[in-house]
Amino acid sequence: MNKLCIFVGTTVGGYVGWAIGEVLGLGFGWSFVLSSIGSIAGVYAGWKLARKLES
């Protein structure tokens, strides 16, 4: 369950970060940076969700 939640969090976080960059018209480089930040946030959120579901 832990790996699944982290995978989903990474995917969703990365997509949201990329979409924010595209909406703001920041170009490829900054969209990539925001996608990376979103992926990191998604890993954390997925990990916290998995911990909550396990207990």
C-alpha atoms as a PDB file:
ATOM      1  CA  MET A   1       0.000   0.000   0.000  1.00  0.00           C
ATOM      2  CA  ASN A   2       2.877   2.332   0.779  1.00  0.00           C
ATOM      3  CA  LYS A   3       4.425   2.084  -2.686  1.00  0.00           C
ATOM      4  CA  LEU A   4       1.083   2.518  -4.422  1.00  0.00           C
ATOM      5  CA  CYS A   5       0.236   5.686  -2.492  1.00  0.00           C
ATOM      6  CA  ILE A   6       3.672   7.145  -3.172  1.00  0.00           C
ATOM      7  CA  PHE A   7       3.406   6.290  -6.882  1.00  0.00           C
ATOM      8  CA  VAL A   8      -0.004   7.929  -7.196  1.00  0.00           C
ATOM      9  CA  GLY A   9       1.144  10.962  -5.194  1.00  0.00           C
ATOM     10  CA  THR A  10       4.214  11.368  -7.388  1.00  0.00           C
ATOM     11  CA  THR A  11       2.188  11.109 -10.581  1.00  0.00           C
ATOM     12  CA  VAL A  12      -0.501  13.548  -9.476  1.00  0.00           C
ATOM     13  CA  GLY A  13       1.970  15.989  -7.928  1.00  0.00           C
ATOM     14  CA  GLY A  14       4.137  16.003 -11.032  1.00  0.00           C
ATOM     15  CA  TYR A  15       1.171  16.601 -13.291  1.00  0.00           C
ATOM     16  CA  VAL A  16      -0.158  19.428 -11.130  1.00  0.00           C
ATOM     17  CA  GLY A  17       3.256  21.099 -11.048  1.00  0.00           C
ATOM     18  CA  TRP A  18       3.586  20.840 -14.829  1.00  0.00           C
ATOM     19  CA  ALA A  19       0.051  22.168 -15.355  1.00  0.00           C
ATOM     20  CA  ILE A  20       0.749  25.186 -13.140  1.00  0.00           C
ATOM     21  CA  GLY A  21       3.839  25.962 -15.178  1.00  0.00           C
ATOM     22  CA  GLU A  22       1.885  25.692 -18.420  1.00  0.00           C
ATOM     23  CA  VAL A  23      -0.971  27.868 -17.166  1.00  0.00           C
ATOM     24  CA  LEU A  24       1.478  30.548 -16.090  1.00  0.00           C
ATOM     25  CA  GLY A  25       3.272  30.298 -19.445  1.00  0.00           C
ATOM     26  CA  LEU A  26       6.683  29.688 -17.886  1.00  0.00           C
ATOM     27  CA  GLY A  27       8.041  27.438 -20.635  1.00  0.00           C
ATOM     28  CA  PHE A  28       9.576  23.991 -20.558  1.00  0.00           C
ATOM     29  CA  GLY A  29      12.368  24.627 -18.049  1.00  0.00           C
ATOM     30  CA  TRP A  30      10.272  26.108 -15.290  1.00  0.00           C
ATOM     31  CA  SER A  31       7.443  23.656 -15.901  1.00  0.00           C
ATOM     32  CA  PHE A  32       9.985  20.874 -15.373  1.00  0.00           C
ATOM     33  CA  VAL A  33      11.167  22.457 -12.116  1.00  0.00           C
ATOM     34  CA  LEU A  34       7.601  22.864 -10.854  1.00  0.00           C
ATOM     35  CA  SER A  35       6.837  19.287 -11.877  1.00  0.00           C
ATOM     36  CA  SER A  36       9.829  18.092  -9.848  1.00  0.00           C
ATOM     37  CA  ILE A  37       8.698  20.063  -6.815  1.00  0.00           C
ATOM     38  CA  GLY A  38       5.186  18.677  -7.248  1.00  0.00           C
ATOM     39  CA  SER A  39       6.558  15.145  -7.441  1.00  0.00           C
ATOM     40  CA  ILE A  40       8.485  15.606  -4.209  1.00  0.00           C
ATOM     41  CA  ALA A  41       5.373  16.968  -2.518  1.00  0.00           C
ATOM     42  CA  GLY A  42       3.444  13.996  -3.914  1.00  0.00           C
ATOM     43  CA  VAL A  43       5.901  11.527  -2.414  1.00  0.00           C
ATOM     44  CA  TYR A  44       5.417  13.131   0.991  1.00  0.00           C
ATOM     45  CA  ALA A  45       1.623  13.287   0.659  1.00  0.00           C
ATOM     46  CA  GLY A  46       1.453   9.674  -0.542  1.00  0.00           C
ATOM     47  CA  TRP A  47       3.643   8.498   2.302  1.00  0.00           C
ATOM     48  CA  LYS A  48       1.505  10.325   4.873  1.00  0.00           C
ATOM     49  CA  LEU A  49      -1.672   8.897   3.349  1.00  0.00           C
ATOM     50  CA  ALA A  50      -0.280   5.351   3.437  1.00  0.00           C
ATOM     51  CA  ARG A  51       0.698   5.757   7.079  1.00  0.00           C
ATOM     52  CA  LYS A  52      -2.795   7.001   7.908  1.00  0.00           C
ATOM     53  CA  LEU A  53      -4.443   4.116   6.065  1.00  0.00           C
ATOM     54  CA  GLU A  54      -2.255   1.517   7.797  1.00  0.00           C
ATOM     55  CA  SER A  55      -3.162   2.627  11.312  1.00  0.00           C
END
